[in-house]
N, C-alpha and C. Protein backbone atom coordinates (compact mmCIF):
# COMPACT_ATOMS: atom_id res chain seq x y z
N MET A 1 -15.48 7.63 24.18
CA MET A 1 -14.83 6.34 24.17
C MET A 1 -15.87 5.23 24.11
N ASN A 2 -17.09 5.54 24.54
CA ASN A 2 -18.17 4.55 24.44
C ASN A 2 -18.43 4.17 23.00
N THR A 3 -18.32 5.15 22.10
CA THR A 3 -18.56 4.88 20.68
C THR A 3 -17.54 3.88 20.14
N LEU A 4 -16.29 4.03 20.51
CA LEU A 4 -15.27 3.08 20.07
C LEU A 4 -15.53 1.70 20.67
N LYS A 5 -15.99 1.67 21.91
CA LYS A 5 -16.31 0.39 22.55
C LYS A 5 -17.48 -0.28 21.83
N GLU A 6 -18.52 0.49 21.51
CA GLU A 6 -19.67 -0.05 20.78
C GLU A 6 -19.24 -0.54 19.40
N PHE A 7 -18.39 0.22 18.73
CA PHE A 7 -17.89 -0.19 17.43
C PHE A 7 -17.16 -1.52 17.54
N HIS A 8 -16.33 -1.66 18.56
CA HIS A 8 -15.59 -2.91 18.78
C HIS A 8 -16.55 -4.08 18.99
N GLU A 9 -17.58 -3.85 19.78
CA GLU A 9 -18.55 -4.92 20.06
C GLU A 9 -19.33 -5.31 18.81
N CYS A 10 -19.66 -4.34 17.97
CA CYS A 10 -20.45 -4.63 16.76
C CYS A 10 -19.59 -5.23 15.65
N ALA A 11 -18.45 -4.64 15.40
CA ALA A 11 -17.63 -5.04 14.25
C ALA A 11 -16.53 -6.04 14.59
N GLY A 12 -16.21 -6.15 15.86
CA GLY A 12 -15.12 -7.04 16.24
C GLY A 12 -13.76 -6.44 15.98
N LEU A 13 -13.72 -5.17 15.64
CA LEU A 13 -12.46 -4.47 15.36
C LEU A 13 -12.14 -3.56 16.54
N LYS A 14 -10.86 -3.44 16.83
CA LYS A 14 -10.46 -2.62 17.97
C LYS A 14 -9.39 -1.63 17.53
N ALA A 15 -9.59 -0.36 17.83
CA ALA A 15 -8.62 0.67 17.51
C ALA A 15 -7.40 0.54 18.41
N ASN A 16 -6.23 0.70 17.84
CA ASN A 16 -4.99 0.72 18.61
C ASN A 16 -4.77 2.16 19.05
N LEU A 17 -5.17 2.47 20.27
CA LEU A 17 -5.12 3.85 20.74
C LEU A 17 -3.70 4.38 20.84
N ALA A 18 -2.72 3.50 21.01
CA ALA A 18 -1.33 3.95 21.09
C ALA A 18 -0.85 4.48 19.74
N LYS A 19 -1.47 4.02 18.65
CA LYS A 19 -1.08 4.47 17.31
C LYS A 19 -2.08 5.45 16.71
N SER A 20 -3.14 5.77 17.44
CA SER A 20 -4.20 6.62 16.91
C SER A 20 -3.94 8.09 17.22
N GLN A 21 -4.45 8.93 16.34
CA GLN A 21 -4.34 10.38 16.50
C GLN A 21 -5.69 10.98 16.16
N VAL A 22 -5.89 12.21 16.58
CA VAL A 22 -7.13 12.92 16.28
C VAL A 22 -6.78 14.22 15.55
N VAL A 23 -7.60 14.54 14.54
CA VAL A 23 -7.45 15.79 13.79
C VAL A 23 -8.73 16.58 13.99
N PHE A 24 -8.59 17.82 14.39
CA PHE A 24 -9.74 18.68 14.64
C PHE A 24 -9.93 19.64 13.48
N GLY A 25 -11.17 20.02 13.28
CA GLY A 25 -11.48 21.04 12.28
C GLY A 25 -12.79 21.72 12.61
N GLY A 26 -12.76 23.01 12.71
CA GLY A 26 -13.99 23.77 12.91
C GLY A 26 -14.61 23.68 14.29
N CYS A 27 -13.81 23.41 15.32
CA CYS A 27 -14.38 23.37 16.68
C CYS A 27 -13.50 24.23 17.60
N SER A 28 -14.07 24.58 18.71
CA SER A 28 -13.39 25.49 19.64
C SER A 28 -12.19 24.83 20.31
N GLN A 29 -11.30 25.66 20.82
CA GLN A 29 -10.14 25.17 21.55
C GLN A 29 -10.57 24.40 22.80
N GLU A 30 -11.64 24.87 23.44
CA GLU A 30 -12.13 24.20 24.64
C GLU A 30 -12.61 22.78 24.34
N LEU A 31 -13.37 22.64 23.24
CA LEU A 31 -13.84 21.31 22.84
C LEU A 31 -12.66 20.40 22.48
N GLN A 32 -11.68 20.95 21.78
CA GLN A 32 -10.49 20.17 21.44
C GLN A 32 -9.79 19.67 22.71
N LYS A 33 -9.64 20.56 23.68
CA LYS A 33 -8.98 20.21 24.94
C LYS A 33 -9.75 19.10 25.66
N GLN A 34 -11.08 19.22 25.70
CA GLN A 34 -11.90 18.20 26.35
C GLN A 34 -11.75 16.84 25.65
N CYS A 35 -11.78 16.85 24.34
CA CYS A 35 -11.64 15.60 23.57
C CYS A 35 -10.30 14.94 23.83
N LEU A 36 -9.25 15.74 23.87
CA LEU A 36 -7.92 15.19 24.12
C LEU A 36 -7.80 14.61 25.53
N GLU A 37 -8.44 15.26 26.49
CA GLU A 37 -8.42 14.75 27.86
C GLU A 37 -9.19 13.43 27.98
N ILE A 38 -10.34 13.36 27.34
CA ILE A 38 -11.18 12.15 27.43
C ILE A 38 -10.54 10.98 26.70
N THR A 39 -10.07 11.22 25.48
CA THR A 39 -9.56 10.12 24.65
C THR A 39 -8.11 9.77 24.94
N GLU A 40 -7.36 10.72 25.47
CA GLU A 40 -5.92 10.57 25.70
C GLU A 40 -5.16 10.29 24.40
N LEU A 41 -5.73 10.73 23.27
CA LEU A 41 -5.07 10.58 21.97
C LEU A 41 -4.16 11.76 21.71
N GLN A 42 -3.21 11.58 20.82
CA GLN A 42 -2.33 12.66 20.40
C GLN A 42 -3.03 13.48 19.33
N GLU A 43 -2.83 14.77 19.35
CA GLU A 43 -3.41 15.63 18.32
C GLU A 43 -2.48 15.64 17.11
N SER A 44 -3.08 15.67 15.94
CA SER A 44 -2.32 15.72 14.69
C SER A 44 -2.98 16.75 13.78
N ALA A 45 -2.40 16.96 12.63
CA ALA A 45 -2.95 17.92 11.67
C ALA A 45 -2.61 17.44 10.26
N PHE A 46 -3.39 17.90 9.30
CA PHE A 46 -3.10 17.60 7.90
C PHE A 46 -2.00 18.50 7.40
N PRO A 47 -1.16 18.08 6.49
CA PRO A 47 -1.09 16.73 5.92
C PRO A 47 -0.37 15.78 6.88
N MET A 48 -0.72 14.50 6.78
CA MET A 48 -0.07 13.46 7.59
C MET A 48 0.15 12.26 6.69
N LYS A 49 0.83 11.28 7.20
CA LYS A 49 1.06 10.06 6.43
C LYS A 49 0.46 8.88 7.17
N TYR A 50 -0.16 7.97 6.41
CA TYR A 50 -0.69 6.73 6.95
C TYR A 50 -0.13 5.60 6.09
N LEU A 51 0.65 4.72 6.71
CA LEU A 51 1.33 3.63 5.98
C LEU A 51 2.14 4.18 4.81
N GLY A 52 2.73 5.36 5.02
CA GLY A 52 3.58 5.96 3.99
C GLY A 52 2.83 6.72 2.92
N VAL A 53 1.50 6.73 2.99
CA VAL A 53 0.69 7.42 1.99
C VAL A 53 0.25 8.76 2.56
N PRO A 54 0.47 9.85 1.82
CA PRO A 54 0.06 11.17 2.32
C PRO A 54 -1.46 11.28 2.41
N ILE A 55 -1.93 11.80 3.54
CA ILE A 55 -3.36 12.04 3.76
C ILE A 55 -3.53 13.54 3.94
N THR A 56 -4.43 14.12 3.16
CA THR A 56 -4.68 15.55 3.25
C THR A 56 -6.18 15.78 3.39
N ALA A 57 -6.53 17.02 3.73
CA ALA A 57 -7.95 17.37 3.84
C ALA A 57 -8.57 17.52 2.46
N GLY A 58 -7.75 17.74 1.45
CA GLY A 58 -8.24 17.90 0.08
C GLY A 58 -7.58 16.90 -0.84
N ARG A 59 -7.42 17.27 -2.09
CA ARG A 59 -6.78 16.41 -3.07
C ARG A 59 -5.27 16.45 -2.90
N LEU A 60 -4.63 15.34 -3.26
CA LEU A 60 -3.17 15.31 -3.24
C LEU A 60 -2.63 16.22 -4.34
N SER A 61 -1.55 16.91 -4.03
CA SER A 61 -0.93 17.76 -5.04
C SER A 61 -0.16 16.89 -6.03
N LYS A 62 0.21 17.45 -7.17
CA LYS A 62 1.00 16.70 -8.15
C LYS A 62 2.32 16.24 -7.55
N THR A 63 2.92 17.08 -6.73
CA THR A 63 4.20 16.73 -6.10
C THR A 63 4.02 15.54 -5.17
N GLU A 64 2.95 15.56 -4.35
CA GLU A 64 2.71 14.46 -3.43
C GLU A 64 2.46 13.15 -4.19
N CYS A 65 1.70 13.23 -5.27
CA CYS A 65 1.44 12.04 -6.09
C CYS A 65 2.73 11.55 -6.73
N ARG A 66 3.51 12.46 -7.28
CA ARG A 66 4.76 12.09 -7.95
C ARG A 66 5.73 11.45 -6.96
N ASP A 67 5.83 12.02 -5.76
CA ASP A 67 6.71 11.45 -4.73
C ASP A 67 6.27 10.04 -4.36
N LEU A 68 4.97 9.84 -4.21
CA LEU A 68 4.44 8.52 -3.86
C LEU A 68 4.72 7.51 -4.97
N VAL A 69 4.46 7.88 -6.21
CA VAL A 69 4.72 6.97 -7.34
C VAL A 69 6.21 6.66 -7.44
N ASN A 70 7.07 7.66 -7.25
CA ASN A 70 8.51 7.43 -7.32
C ASN A 70 8.97 6.46 -6.23
N LYS A 71 8.41 6.57 -5.03
CA LYS A 71 8.77 5.65 -3.95
C LYS A 71 8.36 4.22 -4.30
N ILE A 72 7.15 4.07 -4.84
CA ILE A 72 6.68 2.73 -5.23
C ILE A 72 7.57 2.16 -6.32
N LEU A 73 7.86 2.96 -7.34
CA LEU A 73 8.71 2.49 -8.44
C LEU A 73 10.11 2.14 -7.97
N ALA A 74 10.64 2.90 -7.01
CA ALA A 74 11.97 2.59 -6.48
C ALA A 74 11.96 1.23 -5.79
N LYS A 75 10.92 0.96 -5.01
CA LYS A 75 10.81 -0.34 -4.33
C LYS A 75 10.67 -1.47 -5.35
N VAL A 76 9.84 -1.27 -6.36
CA VAL A 76 9.66 -2.29 -7.39
C VAL A 76 10.96 -2.53 -8.13
N GLN A 77 11.69 -1.47 -8.42
CA GLN A 77 12.95 -1.61 -9.17
C GLN A 77 13.99 -2.38 -8.35
N ILE A 78 14.00 -2.20 -7.03
CA ILE A 78 14.97 -2.91 -6.19
C ILE A 78 14.80 -4.41 -6.33
N TRP A 79 13.57 -4.91 -6.17
CA TRP A 79 13.40 -6.36 -6.29
C TRP A 79 13.40 -6.81 -7.74
N ALA A 80 13.02 -5.91 -8.64
CA ALA A 80 13.06 -6.28 -10.06
C ALA A 80 14.50 -6.54 -10.49
N ASN A 81 15.41 -5.68 -10.06
CA ASN A 81 16.82 -5.87 -10.41
C ASN A 81 17.38 -7.14 -9.80
N SER A 82 16.97 -7.43 -8.59
CA SER A 82 17.54 -8.58 -7.92
C SER A 82 17.12 -9.89 -8.57
N ASP A 83 16.00 -9.92 -9.26
CA ASP A 83 15.54 -11.15 -9.90
C ASP A 83 15.53 -11.04 -11.42
N HIS A 84 16.19 -10.09 -11.94
CA HIS A 84 16.29 -9.88 -13.39
C HIS A 84 14.94 -9.60 -14.05
N MET A 85 13.95 -9.22 -13.25
CA MET A 85 12.64 -8.91 -13.83
C MET A 85 12.71 -7.67 -14.72
N LEU A 86 13.63 -6.76 -14.42
CA LEU A 86 13.76 -5.57 -15.24
C LEU A 86 14.14 -5.95 -16.67
N LYS A 87 14.99 -6.97 -16.82
CA LYS A 87 15.35 -7.43 -18.17
C LYS A 87 14.13 -7.93 -18.92
N VAL A 88 13.25 -8.62 -18.22
CA VAL A 88 12.02 -9.10 -18.85
C VAL A 88 11.19 -7.92 -19.34
N LEU A 89 11.09 -6.90 -18.49
CA LEU A 89 10.34 -5.70 -18.90
C LEU A 89 10.94 -5.05 -20.13
N LEU A 90 12.27 -4.97 -20.14
CA LEU A 90 12.94 -4.31 -21.26
C LEU A 90 12.93 -5.15 -22.53
N GLN A 91 12.88 -6.47 -22.41
CA GLN A 91 12.89 -7.34 -23.58
C GLN A 91 11.51 -7.56 -24.16
N ALA A 92 10.47 -7.11 -23.48
CA ALA A 92 9.12 -7.31 -23.99
C ALA A 92 8.99 -6.66 -25.36
N LYS A 93 8.33 -7.38 -26.27
CA LYS A 93 8.18 -6.88 -27.64
C LYS A 93 7.04 -5.88 -27.70
N GLY A 94 7.36 -4.69 -28.18
CA GLY A 94 6.34 -3.68 -28.42
C GLY A 94 5.84 -2.99 -27.17
N PRO A 95 5.31 -1.78 -27.35
CA PRO A 95 4.84 -1.00 -26.21
C PRO A 95 3.63 -1.63 -25.51
N LYS A 96 2.78 -2.37 -26.22
CA LYS A 96 1.62 -2.99 -25.58
C LYS A 96 2.07 -4.03 -24.55
N ALA A 97 3.04 -4.85 -24.94
CA ALA A 97 3.55 -5.87 -24.02
C ALA A 97 4.17 -5.23 -22.79
N ARG A 98 4.94 -4.18 -22.99
CA ARG A 98 5.59 -3.49 -21.88
C ARG A 98 4.54 -2.93 -20.92
N LYS A 99 3.48 -2.36 -21.48
CA LYS A 99 2.41 -1.81 -20.65
C LYS A 99 1.72 -2.92 -19.86
N GLN A 100 1.50 -4.08 -20.50
CA GLN A 100 0.83 -5.18 -19.82
C GLN A 100 1.68 -5.69 -18.66
N ILE A 101 2.99 -5.82 -18.88
CA ILE A 101 3.86 -6.31 -17.82
C ILE A 101 3.96 -5.28 -16.70
N THR A 102 4.12 -4.03 -17.06
CA THR A 102 4.18 -2.98 -16.04
C THR A 102 2.88 -2.94 -15.25
N GLY A 103 1.76 -3.05 -15.93
CA GLY A 103 0.48 -3.09 -15.25
C GLY A 103 0.37 -4.28 -14.31
N THR A 104 0.90 -5.42 -14.73
CA THR A 104 0.90 -6.62 -13.89
C THR A 104 1.70 -6.38 -12.62
N VAL A 105 2.88 -5.81 -12.76
CA VAL A 105 3.74 -5.56 -11.59
C VAL A 105 3.05 -4.59 -10.63
N VAL A 106 2.54 -3.50 -11.15
CA VAL A 106 1.93 -2.47 -10.30
C VAL A 106 0.67 -3.01 -9.61
N THR A 107 -0.22 -3.65 -10.37
CA THR A 107 -1.46 -4.13 -9.75
C THR A 107 -1.19 -5.25 -8.74
N THR A 108 -0.24 -6.11 -9.03
CA THR A 108 0.11 -7.17 -8.09
C THR A 108 0.69 -6.58 -6.81
N ALA A 109 1.56 -5.59 -6.96
CA ALA A 109 2.15 -4.94 -5.78
C ALA A 109 1.07 -4.26 -4.94
N ILE A 110 0.21 -3.51 -5.58
CA ILE A 110 -0.85 -2.80 -4.86
C ILE A 110 -1.75 -3.80 -4.13
N TYR A 111 -2.18 -4.85 -4.84
CA TYR A 111 -3.06 -5.84 -4.23
C TYR A 111 -2.42 -6.45 -2.98
N ASN A 112 -1.17 -6.87 -3.09
CA ASN A 112 -0.52 -7.55 -1.97
C ASN A 112 -0.20 -6.61 -0.82
N ILE A 113 0.14 -5.37 -1.11
CA ILE A 113 0.39 -4.39 -0.05
C ILE A 113 -0.91 -4.11 0.71
N TRP A 114 -2.02 -3.92 -0.01
CA TRP A 114 -3.29 -3.68 0.65
C TRP A 114 -3.77 -4.92 1.39
N ARG A 115 -3.49 -6.12 0.84
CA ARG A 115 -3.86 -7.36 1.52
C ARG A 115 -3.14 -7.44 2.87
N ALA A 116 -1.84 -7.15 2.87
CA ALA A 116 -1.07 -7.18 4.11
C ALA A 116 -1.58 -6.13 5.09
N ARG A 117 -1.89 -4.96 4.58
CA ARG A 117 -2.43 -3.88 5.42
C ARG A 117 -3.74 -4.31 6.06
N ASN A 118 -4.65 -4.87 5.26
CA ASN A 118 -5.95 -5.28 5.78
C ASN A 118 -5.83 -6.41 6.79
N GLN A 119 -4.90 -7.33 6.57
CA GLN A 119 -4.68 -8.39 7.54
C GLN A 119 -4.24 -7.79 8.88
N ALA A 120 -3.37 -6.80 8.82
CA ALA A 120 -2.88 -6.17 10.04
C ALA A 120 -3.99 -5.41 10.75
N ILE A 121 -4.81 -4.71 9.99
CA ILE A 121 -5.85 -3.88 10.60
C ILE A 121 -7.05 -4.71 11.06
N PHE A 122 -7.56 -5.56 10.19
CA PHE A 122 -8.82 -6.23 10.48
C PHE A 122 -8.67 -7.58 11.18
N ASN A 123 -7.55 -8.25 11.00
CA ASN A 123 -7.37 -9.56 11.61
C ASN A 123 -6.28 -9.57 12.66
N ASP A 124 -5.69 -8.40 12.92
CA ASP A 124 -4.61 -8.28 13.90
C ASP A 124 -3.49 -9.28 13.63
N HIS A 125 -3.22 -9.49 12.33
CA HIS A 125 -2.17 -10.41 11.89
C HIS A 125 -1.21 -9.65 10.96
N VAL A 126 0.01 -9.48 11.40
CA VAL A 126 0.99 -8.74 10.62
C VAL A 126 1.74 -9.70 9.71
N ILE A 127 1.65 -9.47 8.41
CA ILE A 127 2.38 -10.27 7.44
C ILE A 127 3.75 -9.63 7.27
N PRO A 128 4.83 -10.37 7.47
CA PRO A 128 6.16 -9.78 7.32
C PRO A 128 6.38 -9.20 5.92
N THR A 129 7.12 -8.10 5.87
CA THR A 129 7.38 -7.43 4.60
C THR A 129 8.00 -8.39 3.59
N GLN A 130 8.94 -9.19 4.02
CA GLN A 130 9.60 -10.12 3.10
C GLN A 130 8.60 -11.12 2.52
N SER A 131 7.62 -11.55 3.30
CA SER A 131 6.60 -12.47 2.79
C SER A 131 5.75 -11.80 1.72
N THR A 132 5.42 -10.53 1.94
CA THR A 132 4.64 -9.79 0.95
C THR A 132 5.44 -9.64 -0.35
N ILE A 133 6.72 -9.31 -0.24
CA ILE A 133 7.57 -9.16 -1.42
C ILE A 133 7.68 -10.50 -2.16
N THR A 134 7.87 -11.58 -1.42
CA THR A 134 7.96 -12.91 -2.04
C THR A 134 6.67 -13.25 -2.77
N MET A 135 5.53 -12.95 -2.16
CA MET A 135 4.23 -13.22 -2.80
C MET A 135 4.09 -12.40 -4.07
N ILE A 136 4.50 -11.14 -4.05
CA ILE A 136 4.42 -10.30 -5.24
C ILE A 136 5.28 -10.90 -6.35
N LYS A 137 6.51 -11.29 -6.03
CA LYS A 137 7.40 -11.88 -7.03
C LYS A 137 6.79 -13.14 -7.64
N GLN A 138 6.25 -14.01 -6.79
CA GLN A 138 5.67 -15.26 -7.28
C GLN A 138 4.48 -15.00 -8.19
N GLN A 139 3.63 -14.07 -7.80
CA GLN A 139 2.44 -13.79 -8.61
C GLN A 139 2.81 -13.13 -9.93
N VAL A 140 3.81 -12.24 -9.92
CA VAL A 140 4.23 -11.61 -11.17
C VAL A 140 4.83 -12.66 -12.10
N ARG A 141 5.68 -13.54 -11.56
CA ARG A 141 6.24 -14.61 -12.39
C ARG A 141 5.14 -15.47 -13.00
N HIS A 142 4.17 -15.83 -12.17
CA HIS A 142 3.07 -16.67 -12.64
C HIS A 142 2.29 -15.98 -13.75
N ARG A 143 1.97 -14.71 -13.54
CA ARG A 143 1.17 -13.98 -14.53
C ARG A 143 1.94 -13.79 -15.83
N ILE A 144 3.24 -13.49 -15.73
CA ILE A 144 4.04 -13.32 -16.95
C ILE A 144 4.16 -14.67 -17.67
N SER A 145 4.36 -15.72 -16.91
CA SER A 145 4.43 -17.06 -17.51
C SER A 145 3.13 -17.40 -18.22
N PHE A 146 2.01 -17.06 -17.59
CA PHE A 146 0.70 -17.32 -18.19
C PHE A 146 0.55 -16.50 -19.48
N MET A 147 0.93 -15.20 -19.44
CA MET A 147 0.83 -14.37 -20.64
C MET A 147 1.71 -14.93 -21.75
N HIS A 148 2.90 -15.41 -21.38
CA HIS A 148 3.81 -15.99 -22.37
C HIS A 148 3.20 -17.24 -23.00
N SER A 149 2.57 -18.07 -22.18
CA SER A 149 1.99 -19.31 -22.70
C SER A 149 0.87 -19.03 -23.70
N ILE A 150 0.23 -17.90 -23.56
CA ILE A 150 -0.87 -17.55 -24.47
C ILE A 150 -0.36 -16.85 -25.72
N THR A 151 0.56 -15.90 -25.54
CA THR A 151 0.95 -15.03 -26.66
C THR A 151 2.35 -15.26 -27.19
N LYS A 152 3.22 -15.90 -26.42
CA LYS A 152 4.63 -16.11 -26.78
C LYS A 152 5.39 -14.79 -26.97
N LYS A 153 4.89 -13.71 -26.34
CA LYS A 153 5.54 -12.40 -26.45
C LYS A 153 6.46 -12.11 -25.28
N TYR A 154 6.38 -12.90 -24.23
CA TYR A 154 7.11 -12.59 -23.02
C TYR A 154 8.14 -13.67 -22.75
N THR A 155 9.36 -13.26 -22.41
CA THR A 155 10.39 -14.24 -22.11
C THR A 155 10.47 -14.45 -20.62
N MET A 156 10.75 -15.68 -20.24
CA MET A 156 10.82 -16.01 -18.82
C MET A 156 12.19 -16.54 -18.43
N HIS A 157 13.16 -16.57 -19.33
CA HIS A 157 14.43 -17.20 -19.03
C HIS A 157 15.19 -16.53 -17.90
N ASN A 158 14.89 -15.28 -17.61
CA ASN A 158 15.58 -14.59 -16.51
C ASN A 158 14.73 -14.48 -15.25
N CYS A 159 13.57 -15.12 -15.23
CA CYS A 159 12.65 -14.93 -14.11
C CYS A 159 12.75 -16.04 -13.08
N THR A 160 13.55 -17.04 -13.28
CA THR A 160 13.59 -18.15 -12.33
C THR A 160 14.51 -17.88 -11.18
C-alpha cells in the first residue's frame, strides 16, 4: 500500500480502492492470500470489463471485438436517429463521402468518450453521459457543416 501512497504523492492521482480489483498470475496461493489481506482488494480474473471494454490477458477475440463494435454502433444509431443524422449518412454522395462521415462520427465519439473517462480518472470530475452525447452531436454537426462548406457533398438540412 506504500507504493500506491507514493504514487499518489508523486502523480497526484489516487486509486479508488472501492472500485479496484487485483488479478494474480504465476504466484502461490499463499502470496495471493497475503496480498488480499494487505490490500483489502477484491480478487478478479481475466476476462473482465473496464468501462464496458473487455480486458483479457491476450488479444481480443473476433467475437469480443465484434460485440464491442456492435454496442458502439447501436449507441451511435440511437442518437443518430433522434437527430436525423442517419439520413445525412445515407444521403451522402458516393462511398468516399459516406466513409468520411462515418469516420467523423466514430472518431468524435471515441475522442469524447475517452475525454470523459480521463476527466473522471485523472481530475476526479465526472462528466454526465448526456453532456458527452451533446458534445459529440455538436462536434459531428460542426465537422459535417465544415466538410459541406468545402466540398458541397454533404447536406445539413436534417442536422439542426
